[in-house]
Amino acid sequence: MKNFVKGMLSAALIGSMLMSVAGCTSFNLIEYDDFAAALEEEVGLKEDDCRTGKNKKRNGYEMKRYIEGTKGTSTTFKYYEFKDEDDAVEFFEKQYDEFLDVIEDEDFEGSHKESFDEDSATGYILIDGEADNASVYGGIYLKENTYITVATTGSQDKDRDRVDAVLSAIGYPKP
């Protein structure tokens, strides 16, 4: 019986270690209204102050809804709800591949964590560092048919605090 318990405990510990090494990060699908509310509540950015649209083509893709806003000169918030999940995956994959190219070319210095599973339409890129001599802090996220960016190129604490506040409000992982 003792060996059975030890074996089960060992299997559980190995499993949790593999999950942390694999970089598993989970987050839920966020609705447009929840994202817009987080912008207003956490950084004082009202929907009227943002670029919004419904049932329009944006960046070459058909969108159900989108909202884009900035706070200050350097903090950006984007929520794209695609009509087609495959379009959301394709859009995210382009961003993901571009980021990996930057890493490969050694044009990025700092910490990063990324994951992408095309089959489940889930992915993220968490960034805290410098690229092209500019500070970058935030994340890019894919969940089903939504794509979200919450990031800053500002180097002040208030810029990072804005990013962290919105990510906390929507329950998404921070860099």
N, C-alpha and C. Protein backbone atom coordinates (compact mmCIF):
# COMPACT_ATOMS: atom_id res chain seq x y z
N MET A 1 0.82 -1.18 0.00
CA MET A 1 0.00 0.00 0.00
C MET A 1 0.87 1.26 0.00
N LYS A 2 1.97 1.21 0.78
CA LYS A 2 2.87 2.34 0.85
C LYS A 2 3.46 2.67 -0.52
N ASN A 3 3.86 1.64 -1.25
CA ASN A 3 4.44 1.83 -2.58
C ASN A 3 3.41 2.40 -3.56
N PHE A 4 2.16 1.98 -3.41
CA PHE A 4 1.10 2.49 -4.27
C PHE A 4 0.92 4.00 -4.05
N VAL A 5 0.88 4.42 -2.80
CA VAL A 5 0.71 5.85 -2.47
C VAL A 5 1.92 6.64 -2.97
N LYS A 6 3.12 6.11 -2.76
CA LYS A 6 4.32 6.79 -3.26
C LYS A 6 4.28 6.91 -4.77
N GLY A 7 3.85 5.86 -5.45
CA GLY A 7 3.76 5.88 -6.91
C GLY A 7 2.76 6.91 -7.40
N MET A 8 1.62 6.98 -6.74
CA MET A 8 0.59 7.97 -7.12
C MET A 8 1.10 9.39 -6.87
N LEU A 9 1.74 9.60 -5.76
CA LEU A 9 2.29 10.92 -5.43
C LEU A 9 3.37 11.31 -6.43
N SER A 10 4.23 10.37 -6.77
CA SER A 10 5.27 10.64 -7.75
C SER A 10 4.67 10.98 -9.11
N ALA A 11 3.66 10.24 -9.52
CA ALA A 11 3.01 10.51 -10.81
C ALA A 11 2.37 11.89 -10.82
N ALA A 12 1.74 12.27 -9.71
CA ALA A 12 1.11 13.59 -9.62
C ALA A 12 2.16 14.70 -9.69
N LEU A 13 3.26 14.52 -8.99
CA LEU A 13 4.32 15.54 -9.00
C LEU A 13 4.96 15.65 -10.38
N ILE A 14 5.21 14.55 -11.02
CA ILE A 14 5.78 14.57 -12.37
C ILE A 14 4.81 15.23 -13.33
N GLY A 15 3.54 14.90 -13.22
CA GLY A 15 2.53 15.51 -14.10
C GLY A 15 2.46 17.01 -13.92
N SER A 16 2.48 17.49 -12.68
CA SER A 16 2.42 18.94 -12.46
C SER A 16 3.69 19.62 -12.94
N MET A 17 4.83 18.96 -12.80
CA MET A 17 6.08 19.52 -13.28
C MET A 17 6.06 19.63 -14.80
N LEU A 18 5.57 18.60 -15.48
CA LEU A 18 5.49 18.63 -16.93
C LEU A 18 4.54 19.72 -17.40
N MET A 19 3.45 19.92 -16.70
CA MET A 19 2.51 20.98 -17.07
C MET A 19 3.17 22.34 -16.95
N SER A 20 3.95 22.57 -15.90
CA SER A 20 4.60 23.87 -15.74
C SER A 20 5.70 24.06 -16.77
N VAL A 21 6.42 23.00 -17.10
CA VAL A 21 7.47 23.09 -18.10
C VAL A 21 6.86 23.34 -19.48
N ALA A 22 5.72 22.74 -19.75
CA ALA A 22 5.07 22.90 -21.05
C ALA A 22 4.50 24.30 -21.21
N GLY A 23 4.42 25.06 -20.13
CA GLY A 23 3.95 26.43 -20.24
C GLY A 23 2.45 26.54 -20.36
N CYS A 24 1.73 25.60 -19.79
CA CYS A 24 0.28 25.62 -19.89
C CYS A 24 -0.28 26.80 -19.12
N THR A 25 -0.99 27.62 -19.81
CA THR A 25 -1.66 28.75 -19.21
C THR A 25 -3.09 28.71 -19.72
N SER A 26 -4.04 28.77 -18.81
CA SER A 26 -5.42 28.73 -19.28
C SER A 26 -6.10 30.06 -19.02
N PHE A 27 -7.04 30.38 -19.88
CA PHE A 27 -7.86 31.57 -19.73
C PHE A 27 -9.14 31.33 -20.50
N ASN A 28 -10.16 32.05 -20.14
CA ASN A 28 -11.48 31.84 -20.72
C ASN A 28 -11.78 32.86 -21.82
N LEU A 29 -12.75 32.52 -22.63
CA LEU A 29 -13.25 33.43 -23.64
C LEU A 29 -13.87 34.64 -22.95
N ILE A 30 -13.51 35.83 -23.39
CA ILE A 30 -14.05 37.07 -22.84
C ILE A 30 -15.01 37.68 -23.85
N GLU A 31 -16.15 38.10 -23.38
CA GLU A 31 -17.14 38.74 -24.23
C GLU A 31 -16.78 40.22 -24.43
N TYR A 32 -17.23 40.77 -25.52
CA TYR A 32 -16.98 42.16 -25.88
C TYR A 32 -17.35 43.11 -24.73
N ASP A 33 -18.56 42.96 -24.18
CA ASP A 33 -19.02 43.87 -23.12
C ASP A 33 -18.13 43.81 -21.88
N ASP A 34 -17.63 42.62 -21.56
CA ASP A 34 -16.73 42.48 -20.41
C ASP A 34 -15.39 43.17 -20.66
N PHE A 35 -14.90 43.08 -21.89
CA PHE A 35 -13.65 43.74 -22.23
C PHE A 35 -13.83 45.26 -22.18
N ALA A 36 -14.91 45.76 -22.78
CA ALA A 36 -15.19 47.20 -22.77
C ALA A 36 -15.36 47.71 -21.34
N ALA A 37 -16.02 46.94 -20.50
CA ALA A 37 -16.21 47.33 -19.09
C ALA A 37 -14.87 47.38 -18.36
N ALA A 38 -14.00 46.43 -18.63
CA ALA A 38 -12.67 46.43 -18.00
C ALA A 38 -11.88 47.67 -18.40
N LEU A 39 -11.98 48.07 -19.66
CA LEU A 39 -11.28 49.28 -20.10
C LEU A 39 -11.78 50.50 -19.34
N GLU A 40 -13.09 50.60 -19.20
CA GLU A 40 -13.66 51.77 -18.51
C GLU A 40 -13.35 51.74 -17.02
N GLU A 41 -13.55 50.60 -16.38
CA GLU A 41 -13.35 50.50 -14.94
C GLU A 41 -11.89 50.59 -14.52
N GLU A 42 -11.01 49.98 -15.29
CA GLU A 42 -9.61 49.88 -14.86
C GLU A 42 -8.72 51.03 -15.34
N VAL A 43 -9.01 51.59 -16.51
CA VAL A 43 -8.14 52.65 -17.02
C VAL A 43 -8.90 53.90 -17.45
N GLY A 44 -10.22 53.92 -17.21
CA GLY A 44 -11.01 55.10 -17.54
C GLY A 44 -11.20 55.34 -19.02
N LEU A 45 -11.10 54.30 -19.80
CA LEU A 45 -11.25 54.41 -21.26
C LEU A 45 -12.67 53.98 -21.64
N LYS A 46 -13.49 54.96 -21.99
CA LYS A 46 -14.88 54.69 -22.33
C LYS A 46 -14.99 54.21 -23.77
N GLU A 47 -16.02 53.43 -24.02
CA GLU A 47 -16.25 52.89 -25.36
C GLU A 47 -16.34 54.01 -26.40
N ASP A 48 -16.92 55.14 -26.02
CA ASP A 48 -17.04 56.28 -26.95
C ASP A 48 -15.68 56.86 -27.34
N ASP A 49 -14.66 56.62 -26.51
CA ASP A 49 -13.31 57.12 -26.78
C ASP A 49 -12.50 56.16 -27.66
N CYS A 50 -13.11 55.03 -28.01
CA CYS A 50 -12.41 53.98 -28.77
C CYS A 50 -12.96 53.89 -30.20
N ARG A 51 -12.21 53.24 -31.04
CA ARG A 51 -12.69 52.90 -32.37
C ARG A 51 -13.44 51.58 -32.24
N THR A 52 -14.69 51.57 -32.66
CA THR A 52 -15.51 50.38 -32.55
C THR A 52 -16.21 50.09 -33.87
N GLY A 53 -16.70 48.90 -34.01
CA GLY A 53 -17.47 48.54 -35.20
C GLY A 53 -18.17 47.22 -35.03
N LYS A 54 -19.21 47.05 -35.83
CA LYS A 54 -19.97 45.79 -35.85
C LYS A 54 -20.16 45.38 -37.29
N ASN A 55 -20.04 44.08 -37.51
CA ASN A 55 -20.29 43.51 -38.84
C ASN A 55 -19.57 44.28 -39.94
N LYS A 56 -18.29 44.49 -39.73
CA LYS A 56 -17.46 45.20 -40.71
C LYS A 56 -16.21 44.39 -41.00
N LYS A 57 -15.62 44.71 -42.10
CA LYS A 57 -14.33 44.11 -42.45
C LYS A 57 -13.25 44.95 -41.77
N ARG A 58 -12.34 44.29 -41.08
CA ARG A 58 -11.26 44.97 -40.36
C ARG A 58 -9.99 44.18 -40.59
N ASN A 59 -8.94 44.83 -41.02
CA ASN A 59 -7.68 44.14 -41.28
C ASN A 59 -7.84 42.99 -42.27
N GLY A 60 -8.80 43.13 -43.19
CA GLY A 60 -9.02 42.11 -44.20
C GLY A 60 -9.89 40.95 -43.74
N TYR A 61 -10.42 41.00 -42.53
CA TYR A 61 -11.23 39.91 -41.99
C TYR A 61 -12.62 40.43 -41.60
N GLU A 62 -13.61 39.55 -41.69
CA GLU A 62 -14.97 39.89 -41.27
C GLU A 62 -15.06 39.81 -39.75
N MET A 63 -15.48 40.90 -39.15
CA MET A 63 -15.60 40.97 -37.69
C MET A 63 -17.07 41.05 -37.29
N LYS A 64 -17.40 40.37 -36.20
CA LYS A 64 -18.71 40.57 -35.58
C LYS A 64 -18.69 41.92 -34.87
N ARG A 65 -17.63 42.12 -34.09
CA ARG A 65 -17.45 43.36 -33.34
C ARG A 65 -15.97 43.56 -33.07
N TYR A 66 -15.61 44.81 -32.87
CA TYR A 66 -14.25 45.10 -32.45
C TYR A 66 -14.24 46.40 -31.65
N ILE A 67 -13.21 46.53 -30.84
CA ILE A 67 -12.96 47.75 -30.10
C ILE A 67 -11.44 47.92 -30.02
N GLU A 68 -10.98 49.12 -30.30
CA GLU A 68 -9.56 49.45 -30.21
C GLU A 68 -9.44 50.78 -29.48
N GLY A 69 -8.56 50.82 -28.52
CA GLY A 69 -8.36 52.07 -27.79
C GLY A 69 -6.93 52.20 -27.32
N THR A 70 -6.58 53.44 -27.00
CA THR A 70 -5.26 53.71 -26.43
C THR A 70 -5.42 54.58 -25.21
N LYS A 71 -4.52 54.41 -24.29
CA LYS A 71 -4.47 55.25 -23.09
C LYS A 71 -3.08 55.85 -23.05
N GLY A 72 -3.02 57.17 -22.97
CA GLY A 72 -1.74 57.82 -23.08
C GLY A 72 -1.25 57.68 -24.51
N THR A 73 0.04 57.72 -24.66
CA THR A 73 0.59 57.61 -26.01
C THR A 73 1.11 56.22 -26.33
N SER A 74 1.10 55.33 -25.33
CA SER A 74 1.82 54.08 -25.56
C SER A 74 1.10 52.79 -25.17
N THR A 75 -0.10 52.88 -24.62
CA THR A 75 -0.78 51.67 -24.17
C THR A 75 -1.97 51.39 -25.08
N THR A 76 -1.99 50.18 -25.63
CA THR A 76 -2.98 49.79 -26.64
C THR A 76 -3.84 48.64 -26.14
N PHE A 77 -5.12 48.73 -26.46
CA PHE A 77 -6.08 47.68 -26.11
C PHE A 77 -6.88 47.35 -27.36
N LYS A 78 -6.94 46.05 -27.71
CA LYS A 78 -7.69 45.62 -28.89
C LYS A 78 -8.48 44.36 -28.56
N TYR A 79 -9.70 44.35 -29.04
CA TYR A 79 -10.56 43.18 -28.94
C TYR A 79 -11.20 42.98 -30.30
N TYR A 80 -10.92 41.85 -30.94
CA TYR A 80 -11.50 41.52 -32.23
C TYR A 80 -12.30 40.24 -32.06
N GLU A 81 -13.58 40.31 -32.39
CA GLU A 81 -14.41 39.11 -32.41
C GLU A 81 -14.68 38.79 -33.88
N PHE A 82 -14.05 37.76 -34.36
CA PHE A 82 -14.15 37.36 -35.76
C PHE A 82 -15.46 36.59 -36.00
N LYS A 83 -15.99 36.71 -37.20
CA LYS A 83 -17.16 35.91 -37.56
C LYS A 83 -16.79 34.45 -37.69
N ASP A 84 -15.57 34.18 -38.12
CA ASP A 84 -15.11 32.82 -38.37
C ASP A 84 -13.90 32.52 -37.49
N GLU A 85 -13.97 31.44 -36.74
CA GLU A 85 -12.87 31.05 -35.86
C GLU A 85 -11.57 30.84 -36.64
N ASP A 86 -11.67 30.28 -37.85
CA ASP A 86 -10.47 30.04 -38.66
C ASP A 86 -9.75 31.35 -38.98
N ASP A 87 -10.51 32.44 -39.19
CA ASP A 87 -9.90 33.74 -39.43
C ASP A 87 -9.16 34.24 -38.20
N ALA A 88 -9.75 34.02 -37.02
CA ALA A 88 -9.10 34.42 -35.77
C ALA A 88 -7.78 33.66 -35.60
N VAL A 89 -7.82 32.37 -35.89
CA VAL A 89 -6.61 31.54 -35.78
C VAL A 89 -5.55 32.03 -36.76
N GLU A 90 -5.95 32.30 -38.00
CA GLU A 90 -5.00 32.78 -39.01
C GLU A 90 -4.40 34.13 -38.61
N PHE A 91 -5.23 35.03 -38.11
CA PHE A 91 -4.76 36.35 -37.69
C PHE A 91 -3.74 36.22 -36.55
N PHE A 92 -4.07 35.41 -35.55
CA PHE A 92 -3.16 35.20 -34.43
C PHE A 92 -1.87 34.54 -34.89
N GLU A 93 -2.01 33.54 -35.75
CA GLU A 93 -0.84 32.80 -36.21
C GLU A 93 0.17 33.72 -36.91
N LYS A 94 -0.31 34.70 -37.64
CA LYS A 94 0.59 35.67 -38.27
C LYS A 94 1.38 36.44 -37.22
N GLN A 95 0.70 36.88 -36.17
CA GLN A 95 1.38 37.59 -35.08
C GLN A 95 2.38 36.68 -34.38
N TYR A 96 1.96 35.45 -34.15
CA TYR A 96 2.79 34.47 -33.47
C TYR A 96 4.07 34.20 -34.26
N ASP A 97 3.92 33.98 -35.56
CA ASP A 97 5.08 33.71 -36.42
C ASP A 97 6.02 34.91 -36.49
N GLU A 98 5.45 36.12 -36.56
CA GLU A 98 6.29 37.32 -36.58
C GLU A 98 7.09 37.45 -35.29
N PHE A 99 6.45 37.16 -34.15
CA PHE A 99 7.16 37.23 -32.88
C PHE A 99 8.28 36.19 -32.82
N LEU A 100 8.00 34.98 -33.26
CA LEU A 100 9.04 33.95 -33.25
C LEU A 100 10.21 34.33 -34.16
N ASP A 101 9.93 35.02 -35.27
CA ASP A 101 11.00 35.51 -36.13
C ASP A 101 11.87 36.53 -35.41
N VAL A 102 11.24 37.40 -34.64
CA VAL A 102 12.00 38.39 -33.86
C VAL A 102 12.91 37.68 -32.85
N ILE A 103 12.39 36.65 -32.22
CA ILE A 103 13.18 35.87 -31.25
C ILE A 103 14.34 35.18 -31.96
N GLU A 104 14.05 34.52 -33.08
CA GLU A 104 15.10 33.83 -33.84
C GLU A 104 16.20 34.78 -34.31
N ASP A 105 15.79 35.96 -34.74
CA ASP A 105 16.75 36.95 -35.23
C ASP A 105 17.50 37.65 -34.10
N GLU A 106 17.18 37.26 -32.86
CA GLU A 106 17.80 37.84 -31.67
C GLU A 106 17.59 39.35 -31.60
N ASP A 107 16.40 39.79 -32.04
CA ASP A 107 16.03 41.20 -31.98
C ASP A 107 15.22 41.51 -30.73
N PHE A 108 15.10 40.55 -29.84
CA PHE A 108 14.33 40.73 -28.61
C PHE A 108 15.21 40.39 -27.42
N GLU A 109 15.12 41.23 -26.39
CA GLU A 109 15.85 40.98 -25.16
C GLU A 109 14.87 41.11 -24.01
N GLY A 110 14.77 40.08 -23.21
CA GLY A 110 13.84 40.10 -22.09
C GLY A 110 13.20 38.74 -21.91
N SER A 111 12.05 38.73 -21.22
CA SER A 111 11.37 37.46 -21.01
C SER A 111 10.14 37.37 -21.90
N HIS A 112 9.82 36.16 -22.26
CA HIS A 112 8.65 35.91 -23.09
C HIS A 112 8.17 34.50 -22.83
N LYS A 113 6.90 34.31 -23.07
CA LYS A 113 6.29 32.99 -22.94
C LYS A 113 5.22 32.93 -24.01
N GLU A 114 5.21 31.86 -24.76
CA GLU A 114 4.24 31.76 -25.82
C GLU A 114 3.75 30.32 -25.97
N SER A 115 2.53 30.22 -26.47
CA SER A 115 1.93 28.93 -26.72
C SER A 115 0.86 29.11 -27.79
N PHE A 116 0.69 28.09 -28.63
CA PHE A 116 -0.31 28.17 -29.67
C PHE A 116 -0.78 26.77 -30.01
N ASP A 117 -2.08 26.55 -29.91
CA ASP A 117 -2.68 25.28 -30.29
C ASP A 117 -3.78 25.59 -31.30
N GLU A 118 -3.45 25.37 -32.55
CA GLU A 118 -4.37 25.70 -33.64
C GLU A 118 -5.67 24.90 -33.52
N ASP A 119 -5.59 23.65 -33.11
CA ASP A 119 -6.78 22.80 -33.02
C ASP A 119 -7.81 23.31 -32.02
N SER A 120 -7.34 23.83 -30.89
CA SER A 120 -8.28 24.35 -29.89
C SER A 120 -8.50 25.85 -30.03
N ALA A 121 -7.86 26.46 -31.03
CA ALA A 121 -7.98 27.92 -31.25
C ALA A 121 -7.66 28.68 -29.98
N THR A 122 -6.51 28.34 -29.38
CA THR A 122 -6.07 28.99 -28.15
C THR A 122 -4.58 29.28 -28.26
N GLY A 123 -4.21 30.49 -27.90
CA GLY A 123 -2.80 30.84 -27.91
C GLY A 123 -2.55 32.14 -27.16
N TYR A 124 -1.29 32.37 -26.86
CA TYR A 124 -0.91 33.61 -26.22
C TYR A 124 0.56 33.88 -26.48
N ILE A 125 0.90 35.15 -26.35
CA ILE A 125 2.29 35.59 -26.35
C ILE A 125 2.39 36.60 -25.21
N LEU A 126 3.22 36.31 -24.23
CA LEU A 126 3.44 37.22 -23.10
C LEU A 126 4.83 37.80 -23.26
N ILE A 127 4.93 39.13 -23.18
CA ILE A 127 6.18 39.81 -23.49
C ILE A 127 6.54 40.81 -22.40
N ASP A 128 7.80 40.80 -22.01
CA ASP A 128 8.34 41.80 -21.09
C ASP A 128 9.80 42.00 -21.46
N GLY A 129 10.07 43.01 -22.27
CA GLY A 129 11.45 43.22 -22.70
C GLY A 129 11.58 44.35 -23.68
N GLU A 130 12.60 44.23 -24.54
CA GLU A 130 12.87 45.26 -25.53
C GLU A 130 13.03 44.64 -26.90
N ALA A 131 12.45 45.33 -27.88
CA ALA A 131 12.59 44.93 -29.29
C ALA A 131 12.78 46.22 -30.08
N ASP A 132 13.76 46.23 -30.97
CA ASP A 132 14.04 47.41 -31.77
C ASP A 132 14.22 48.65 -30.90
N ASN A 133 14.93 48.49 -29.79
CA ASN A 133 15.24 49.58 -28.86
C ASN A 133 14.01 50.22 -28.23
N ALA A 134 12.91 49.49 -28.17
CA ALA A 134 11.69 49.98 -27.52
C ALA A 134 11.24 48.97 -26.47
N SER A 135 10.79 49.47 -25.36
CA SER A 135 10.25 48.64 -24.30
C SER A 135 8.89 48.08 -24.75
N VAL A 136 8.64 46.82 -24.45
CA VAL A 136 7.37 46.18 -24.79
C VAL A 136 6.93 45.34 -23.59
N TYR A 137 5.67 45.56 -23.17
CA TYR A 137 5.14 44.81 -22.04
C TYR A 137 3.67 44.53 -22.30
N GLY A 138 3.28 43.27 -22.24
CA GLY A 138 1.87 42.94 -22.41
C GLY A 138 1.67 41.57 -22.99
N GLY A 139 0.50 41.40 -23.59
CA GLY A 139 0.17 40.11 -24.14
C GLY A 139 -0.74 40.19 -25.34
N ILE A 140 -0.69 39.12 -26.11
CA ILE A 140 -1.55 38.92 -27.27
C ILE A 140 -2.20 37.56 -27.06
N TYR A 141 -3.51 37.48 -27.25
CA TYR A 141 -4.25 36.28 -26.87
C TYR A 141 -5.23 35.87 -27.96
N LEU A 142 -5.38 34.56 -28.11
CA LEU A 142 -6.38 33.98 -29.00
C LEU A 142 -7.21 33.02 -28.17
N LYS A 143 -8.51 33.17 -28.26
CA LYS A 143 -9.41 32.19 -27.63
C LYS A 143 -10.63 32.07 -28.53
N GLU A 144 -10.72 30.92 -29.16
CA GLU A 144 -11.80 30.61 -30.10
C GLU A 144 -11.84 31.66 -31.20
N ASN A 145 -12.89 32.48 -31.27
CA ASN A 145 -12.99 33.45 -32.36
C ASN A 145 -12.60 34.87 -31.93
N THR A 146 -11.90 34.99 -30.79
CA THR A 146 -11.50 36.33 -30.33
C THR A 146 -9.98 36.45 -30.28
N TYR A 147 -9.56 37.65 -30.57
CA TYR A 147 -8.14 38.03 -30.53
C TYR A 147 -8.07 39.28 -29.67
N ILE A 148 -7.17 39.28 -28.70
CA ILE A 148 -7.04 40.40 -27.77
C ILE A 148 -5.58 40.80 -27.67
N THR A 149 -5.34 42.11 -27.69
CA THR A 149 -4.02 42.67 -27.40
C THR A 149 -4.17 43.66 -26.25
N VAL A 150 -3.33 43.51 -25.24
CA VAL A 150 -3.23 44.48 -24.15
C VAL A 150 -1.74 44.66 -23.95
N ALA A 151 -1.21 45.83 -24.37
CA ALA A 151 0.24 46.00 -24.34
C ALA A 151 0.62 47.48 -24.28
N THR A 152 1.84 47.71 -23.85
CA THR A 152 2.38 49.07 -23.82
C THR A 152 3.81 49.07 -24.33
N THR A 153 4.17 50.17 -24.94
CA THR A 153 5.57 50.40 -25.30
C THR A 153 6.15 51.47 -24.39
N GLY A 154 5.36 51.89 -23.42
CA GLY A 154 5.83 52.88 -22.44
C GLY A 154 6.67 52.20 -21.37
N SER A 155 7.54 52.96 -20.77
CA SER A 155 8.43 52.38 -19.76
C SER A 155 8.11 52.86 -18.34
N GLN A 156 7.04 53.63 -18.20
CA GLN A 156 6.67 54.12 -16.87
C GLN A 156 5.83 53.07 -16.15
N ASP A 157 5.89 53.11 -14.83
CA ASP A 157 5.11 52.17 -14.03
C ASP A 157 3.62 52.25 -14.33
N LYS A 158 3.10 53.46 -14.57
CA LYS A 158 1.66 53.60 -14.82
C LYS A 158 1.25 52.88 -16.11
N ASP A 159 2.14 52.80 -17.08
CA ASP A 159 1.84 52.09 -18.32
C ASP A 159 1.67 50.59 -18.04
N ARG A 160 2.60 50.03 -17.30
CA ARG A 160 2.52 48.61 -16.95
C ARG A 160 1.33 48.34 -16.03
N ASP A 161 1.06 49.27 -15.12
CA ASP A 161 -0.07 49.11 -14.21
C ASP A 161 -1.39 49.05 -14.98
N ARG A 162 -1.52 49.85 -16.03
CA ARG A 162 -2.73 49.82 -16.86
C ARG A 162 -2.90 48.45 -17.52
N VAL A 163 -1.81 47.94 -18.07
CA VAL A 163 -1.85 46.62 -18.71
C VAL A 163 -2.24 45.57 -17.68
N ASP A 164 -1.57 45.56 -16.55
CA ASP A 164 -1.85 44.56 -15.51
C ASP A 164 -3.29 44.66 -15.00
N ALA A 165 -3.80 45.87 -14.85
CA ALA A 165 -5.17 46.06 -14.34
C ALA A 165 -6.20 45.47 -15.29
N VAL A 166 -6.06 45.73 -16.57
CA VAL A 166 -7.02 45.20 -17.54
C VAL A 166 -6.90 43.68 -17.63
N LEU A 167 -5.66 43.17 -17.66
CA LEU A 167 -5.49 41.71 -17.73
C LEU A 167 -6.06 41.03 -16.49
N SER A 168 -5.88 41.62 -15.33
CA SER A 168 -6.45 41.05 -14.11
C SER A 168 -7.98 41.06 -14.17
N ALA A 169 -8.55 42.17 -14.66
CA ALA A 169 -10.00 42.30 -14.72
C ALA A 169 -10.63 41.26 -15.64
N ILE A 170 -9.95 40.91 -16.72
CA ILE A 170 -10.52 39.92 -17.65
C ILE A 170 -10.02 38.49 -17.36
N GLY A 171 -9.13 38.36 -16.38
CA GLY A 171 -8.64 37.04 -16.00
C GLY A 171 -7.63 36.43 -16.93
N TYR A 172 -6.89 37.27 -17.64
CA TYR A 172 -5.88 36.78 -18.58
C TYR A 172 -4.50 36.85 -17.95
N PRO A 173 -3.60 35.95 -18.35
CA PRO A 173 -2.26 35.92 -17.76
C PRO A 173 -1.45 37.16 -18.09
N LYS A 174 -0.66 37.59 -17.11
CA LYS A 174 0.22 38.75 -17.28
C LYS A 174 1.63 38.27 -17.61
N PRO A 175 2.39 39.15 -18.26
CA PRO A 175 3.78 38.79 -18.58
C PRO A 175 4.61 38.54 -17.33
